[in-house]
N, C-alpha and C. Protein backbone atom coordinates (compact mmCIF):
# COMPACT_ATOMS: atom_id res chain seq x y z
N MET A 1 -6.48 21.51 3.25
CA MET A 1 -6.43 21.34 2.24
C MET A 1 -5.69 20.38 1.43
N LYS A 2 -6.65 19.49 0.21
CA LYS A 2 -5.95 18.05 -0.43
C LYS A 2 -5.60 18.44 -1.90
N LYS A 3 -4.45 18.89 -2.36
CA LYS A 3 -4.57 19.30 -3.85
C LYS A 3 -3.92 17.77 -4.43
N ALA A 4 -4.40 18.19 -5.86
CA ALA A 4 -3.71 16.87 -6.45
C ALA A 4 -3.61 18.31 -8.17
N VAL A 5 -2.79 17.49 -8.99
CA VAL A 5 -2.20 18.10 -9.95
C VAL A 5 -2.75 17.32 -11.12
N VAL A 6 -3.86 18.20 -11.94
CA VAL A 6 -4.36 17.10 -13.02
C VAL A 6 -3.80 17.76 -14.31
N THR A 7 -3.34 16.64 -15.11
CA THR A 7 -3.04 16.89 -16.51
C THR A 7 -3.49 15.89 -17.49
N VAL A 8 -4.37 16.99 -18.76
CA VAL A 8 -4.55 16.63 -19.20
C VAL A 8 -4.05 16.52 -20.99
N VAL A 9 -3.94 15.46 -22.04
CA VAL A 9 -3.34 15.85 -23.23
C VAL A 9 -3.72 14.97 -24.54
N GLY A 10 -3.93 15.67 -25.49
CA GLY A 10 -4.36 14.83 -26.68
C GLY A 10 -4.47 15.69 -27.61
N LYS A 11 -5.34 14.93 -28.96
CA LYS A 11 -5.47 15.78 -29.80
C LYS A 11 -6.90 16.77 -29.68
N ASP A 12 -6.80 17.87 -30.18
CA ASP A 12 -8.13 19.03 -29.73
C ASP A 12 -9.27 18.23 -30.05
N ALA A 13 -10.22 18.53 -29.65
CA ALA A 13 -11.42 18.24 -29.91
C ALA A 13 -12.86 19.03 -28.60
N VAL A 14 -13.63 19.05 -29.70
CA VAL A 14 -14.88 19.89 -28.57
C VAL A 14 -15.46 19.39 -27.89
N GLY A 15 -15.29 19.48 -26.16
CA GLY A 15 -15.89 18.71 -25.02
C GLY A 15 -14.38 18.46 -24.07
N ILE A 16 -13.53 18.53 -24.80
CA ILE A 16 -12.70 18.35 -23.52
C ILE A 16 -12.29 18.82 -21.88
N ILE A 17 -12.47 20.14 -22.29
CA ILE A 17 -12.43 20.83 -20.84
C ILE A 17 -14.28 20.74 -20.10
N ALA A 18 -15.61 20.70 -21.37
CA ALA A 18 -16.65 20.20 -20.09
C ALA A 18 -16.37 18.99 -19.61
N ALA A 19 -15.82 18.32 -20.53
CA ALA A 19 -16.24 16.19 -19.57
C ALA A 19 -15.45 16.19 -18.28
N ILE A 20 -14.11 17.38 -18.65
CA ILE A 20 -13.19 17.22 -17.15
C ILE A 20 -14.06 17.90 -15.89
N CYS A 21 -14.44 19.21 -16.42
CA CYS A 21 -14.83 20.02 -15.14
C CYS A 21 -16.30 19.71 -14.76
N ASN A 22 -17.46 19.19 -15.63
CA ASN A 22 -18.28 18.23 -14.90
C ASN A 22 -18.03 17.12 -14.00
N TYR A 23 -17.02 16.06 -14.64
CA TYR A 23 -16.37 15.10 -13.54
C TYR A 23 -16.22 16.01 -12.07
N LEU A 24 -15.13 16.93 -12.01
CA LEU A 24 -14.99 17.24 -11.00
C LEU A 24 -16.15 18.43 -10.20
N ALA A 25 -16.75 18.91 -10.84
CA ALA A 25 -17.80 19.69 -10.02
C ALA A 25 -18.94 18.59 -9.40
N LYS A 26 -19.15 17.36 -9.96
CA LYS A 26 -20.13 16.61 -9.59
C LYS A 26 -19.22 15.70 -8.47
N ASN A 27 -18.56 16.24 -8.42
CA ASN A 27 -17.45 15.26 -7.37
C ASN A 27 -17.17 16.38 -6.25
N SER A 28 -17.82 17.41 -6.15
CA SER A 28 -17.46 18.56 -5.24
C SER A 28 -15.38 18.51 -4.99
N ILE A 29 -14.82 18.78 -6.01
CA ILE A 29 -13.64 19.20 -6.74
C ILE A 29 -13.72 20.51 -7.27
N ASN A 30 -12.96 21.23 -6.36
CA ASN A 30 -12.68 22.35 -6.95
C ASN A 30 -11.45 23.24 -7.48
N ILE A 31 -12.02 23.38 -9.29
CA ILE A 31 -10.61 23.93 -9.44
C ILE A 31 -9.74 24.88 -8.88
N LEU A 32 -8.78 25.10 -8.59
CA LEU A 32 -7.72 26.48 -7.85
C LEU A 32 -7.18 26.90 -9.35
N ASP A 33 -6.53 26.67 -9.93
CA ASP A 33 -5.84 26.79 -11.01
C ASP A 33 -5.83 26.09 -12.23
N ILE A 34 -6.29 27.09 -13.46
CA ILE A 34 -5.90 26.20 -14.71
C ILE A 34 -5.10 26.81 -15.62
N SER A 35 -4.60 26.09 -16.39
CA SER A 35 -4.18 26.62 -17.89
C SER A 35 -4.02 25.56 -18.63
N GLN A 36 -4.65 25.98 -19.98
CA GLN A 36 -4.93 25.19 -21.08
C GLN A 36 -4.24 26.12 -22.13
N THR A 37 -4.13 25.06 -23.02
CA THR A 37 -3.03 25.73 -24.50
C THR A 37 -3.14 24.62 -25.51
N ILE A 38 -3.65 25.33 -26.83
CA ILE A 38 -3.58 24.39 -28.01
C ILE A 38 -2.34 24.62 -28.45
N VAL A 39 -1.18 23.40 -29.39
CA VAL A 39 -0.50 24.02 -30.19
C VAL A 39 -0.77 22.85 -31.04
N ASP A 40 -0.33 23.10 -32.15
CA ASP A 40 -0.34 22.43 -33.45
C ASP A 40 -1.25 21.12 -33.66
N GLY A 41 -2.77 21.65 -33.02
CA GLY A 41 -3.95 20.74 -32.94
C GLY A 41 -3.76 19.85 -31.40
N TYR A 42 -2.95 20.06 -30.67
CA TYR A 42 -3.01 18.89 -29.32
C TYR A 42 -2.88 19.96 -28.43
N PHE A 43 -4.27 19.23 -27.20
CA PHE A 43 -4.63 20.14 -26.67
C PHE A 43 -3.56 19.53 -25.52
N ASN A 44 -3.52 20.63 -24.34
CA ASN A 44 -2.48 20.81 -23.13
C ASN A 44 -3.83 21.40 -22.23
N MET A 45 -3.70 20.48 -20.87
CA MET A 45 -4.48 21.44 -20.12
C MET A 45 -3.36 21.10 -18.91
N MET A 46 -3.47 21.95 -17.53
CA MET A 46 -2.95 21.62 -16.52
C MET A 46 -3.90 22.15 -15.30
N MET A 47 -3.93 21.66 -14.17
CA MET A 47 -5.33 22.25 -13.05
C MET A 47 -4.52 21.42 -11.72
N ILE A 48 -4.67 22.53 -10.91
CA ILE A 48 -4.43 22.36 -9.20
C ILE A 48 -5.91 22.34 -9.01
N VAL A 49 -6.14 21.42 -7.96
CA VAL A 49 -7.92 20.82 -7.84
C VAL A 49 -7.27 20.83 -6.30
N ASP A 50 -8.44 20.84 -5.52
CA ASP A 50 -8.74 20.69 -4.24
C ASP A 50 -9.89 19.77 -4.06
N PHE A 51 -9.61 18.41 -3.62
CA PHE A 51 -10.50 17.12 -3.05
C PHE A 51 -10.87 17.36 -2.09
N SER A 52 -10.56 18.18 -1.29
CA SER A 52 -10.70 17.73 0.31
C SER A 52 -12.36 17.31 0.66
N GLN A 53 -13.24 17.63 -0.19
CA GLN A 53 -14.66 18.36 -0.29
C GLN A 53 -15.32 16.54 -0.71
N CYS A 54 -14.49 15.92 -1.62
CA CYS A 54 -14.51 15.26 -2.28
C CYS A 54 -14.97 13.54 -1.08
N GLU A 55 -15.41 13.05 -1.34
CA GLU A 55 -15.66 11.84 -0.42
C GLU A 55 -15.16 10.39 -0.89
N LYS A 56 -14.40 10.64 -2.18
CA LYS A 56 -13.73 9.61 -2.90
C LYS A 56 -12.26 9.82 -2.68
N GLN A 57 -11.16 8.62 -2.91
CA GLN A 57 -9.95 8.58 -2.20
C GLN A 57 -9.14 9.10 -3.99
N LEU A 58 -7.97 9.42 -3.90
CA LEU A 58 -7.59 10.06 -4.71
C LEU A 58 -6.94 9.29 -5.91
N SER A 59 -6.96 8.13 -5.50
CA SER A 59 -6.89 6.77 -6.23
C SER A 59 -7.78 6.83 -7.40
N PHE A 60 -9.04 6.49 -6.60
CA PHE A 60 -10.43 6.28 -7.47
C PHE A 60 -10.48 7.52 -8.33
N ILE A 61 -9.94 8.42 -7.45
CA ILE A 61 -10.94 9.90 -8.64
C ILE A 61 -9.82 9.50 -10.19
N SER A 62 -8.67 9.56 -9.82
CA SER A 62 -7.88 9.57 -10.85
C SER A 62 -7.95 8.29 -12.08
N ASP A 63 -8.01 7.31 -11.19
CA ASP A 63 -9.12 6.33 -12.38
C ASP A 63 -10.07 6.47 -13.15
N GLU A 64 -11.12 7.17 -12.44
CA GLU A 64 -11.94 7.90 -13.18
C GLU A 64 -11.75 8.81 -14.10
N LEU A 65 -11.16 9.69 -13.68
CA LEU A 65 -10.26 10.67 -14.85
C LEU A 65 -9.90 10.38 -16.08
N ARG A 66 -9.23 9.25 -15.87
CA ARG A 66 -8.71 8.71 -16.84
C ARG A 66 -9.72 7.83 -17.64
N ASP A 67 -10.50 7.11 -16.95
CA ASP A 67 -11.89 6.86 -18.16
C ASP A 67 -12.45 8.00 -18.61
N VAL A 68 -12.98 9.15 -18.37
CA VAL A 68 -13.08 9.97 -18.59
C VAL A 68 -12.59 10.68 -19.77
N GLY A 69 -11.30 10.54 -19.53
CA GLY A 69 -10.82 11.06 -20.63
C GLY A 69 -10.67 10.18 -21.75
N GLU A 70 -10.29 8.83 -21.78
CA GLU A 70 -10.22 7.90 -22.27
C GLU A 70 -11.72 7.77 -23.57
N THR A 71 -12.99 8.84 -22.96
CA THR A 71 -14.17 8.85 -23.76
C THR A 71 -13.58 10.03 -24.54
N ARG A 72 -13.03 11.02 -24.49
CA ARG A 72 -12.76 12.24 -25.18
C ARG A 72 -11.53 11.99 -26.12
N GLY A 73 -11.11 10.60 -25.91
CA GLY A 73 -9.48 10.96 -26.86
C GLY A 73 -8.91 11.23 -26.51
N VAL A 74 -8.32 11.68 -24.65
CA VAL A 74 -7.22 12.44 -24.27
C VAL A 74 -6.76 11.23 -23.08
N ILE A 75 -5.53 11.84 -22.66
CA ILE A 75 -4.77 11.06 -21.71
C ILE A 75 -4.78 11.88 -20.65
N VAL A 76 -5.12 11.83 -19.32
CA VAL A 76 -5.48 12.09 -18.01
C VAL A 76 -4.93 11.58 -16.90
N HIS A 77 -3.91 12.27 -16.12
CA HIS A 77 -3.45 12.24 -14.99
C HIS A 77 -3.89 12.91 -13.90
N CYS A 78 -3.80 12.32 -12.69
CA CYS A 78 -4.29 13.14 -11.63
C CYS A 78 -3.07 12.01 -10.03
N GLN A 79 -2.70 13.47 -10.08
CA GLN A 79 -1.00 12.99 -8.80
C GLN A 79 -1.84 14.05 -7.72
N SER A 80 -1.34 13.36 -6.62
CA SER A 80 -1.06 14.21 -5.51
C SER A 80 -0.33 15.47 -5.79
N GLU A 81 -0.31 16.41 -4.59
CA GLU A 81 0.63 17.51 -4.93
C GLU A 81 1.58 17.41 -4.33
N GLU A 82 1.71 16.25 -3.45
CA GLU A 82 2.69 15.76 -2.21
C GLU A 82 3.75 15.20 -3.11
N ILE A 83 3.61 14.83 -4.05
CA ILE A 83 4.62 13.96 -5.16
C ILE A 83 5.37 14.69 -5.34
N PHE A 84 4.80 16.20 -5.90
CA PHE A 84 5.86 16.90 -6.15
C PHE A 84 6.75 18.20 -5.55
N GLU A 85 5.71 18.26 -4.05
CA GLU A 85 6.62 18.74 -2.71
C GLU A 85 7.82 18.21 -2.68
N MET A 86 7.47 16.33 -2.55
CA MET A 86 8.62 16.08 -1.98
C MET A 86 10.04 16.04 -3.04
N MET A 87 9.82 16.25 -4.50
CA MET A 87 10.24 15.71 -5.91
C MET A 87 11.07 17.18 -5.00
N HIS A 88 10.59 18.33 -4.94
CA HIS A 88 11.62 19.35 -4.49
C HIS A 88 12.53 19.47 -3.30
N ARG A 89 11.86 18.61 -2.14
CA ARG A 89 12.96 18.82 -1.09
C ARG A 89 14.10 17.96 -1.44
N ILE A 90 14.28 16.99 -2.02
CA ILE A 90 15.32 15.82 -2.01
C ILE A 90 16.30 16.72 -2.85
């Protein structure tokens, strides 16, 4: 399984979750875990996703998700779970 951490932050608006989830579904990326909150009008979401069925490289997925986020007025980051695993090993 190839996992990634997707974070979405920005001013709350209608359709943010739909836009991100539609991209993931169209690219065969499965959401394993999701947490979302709104604090004082600001949207914050974190997902753990499995991109092992996706034919695209993670760097390309990350770029495309960033573009999806820009269309919705939010900042999206997608990083390999391995980065976080390595940080805890040091």
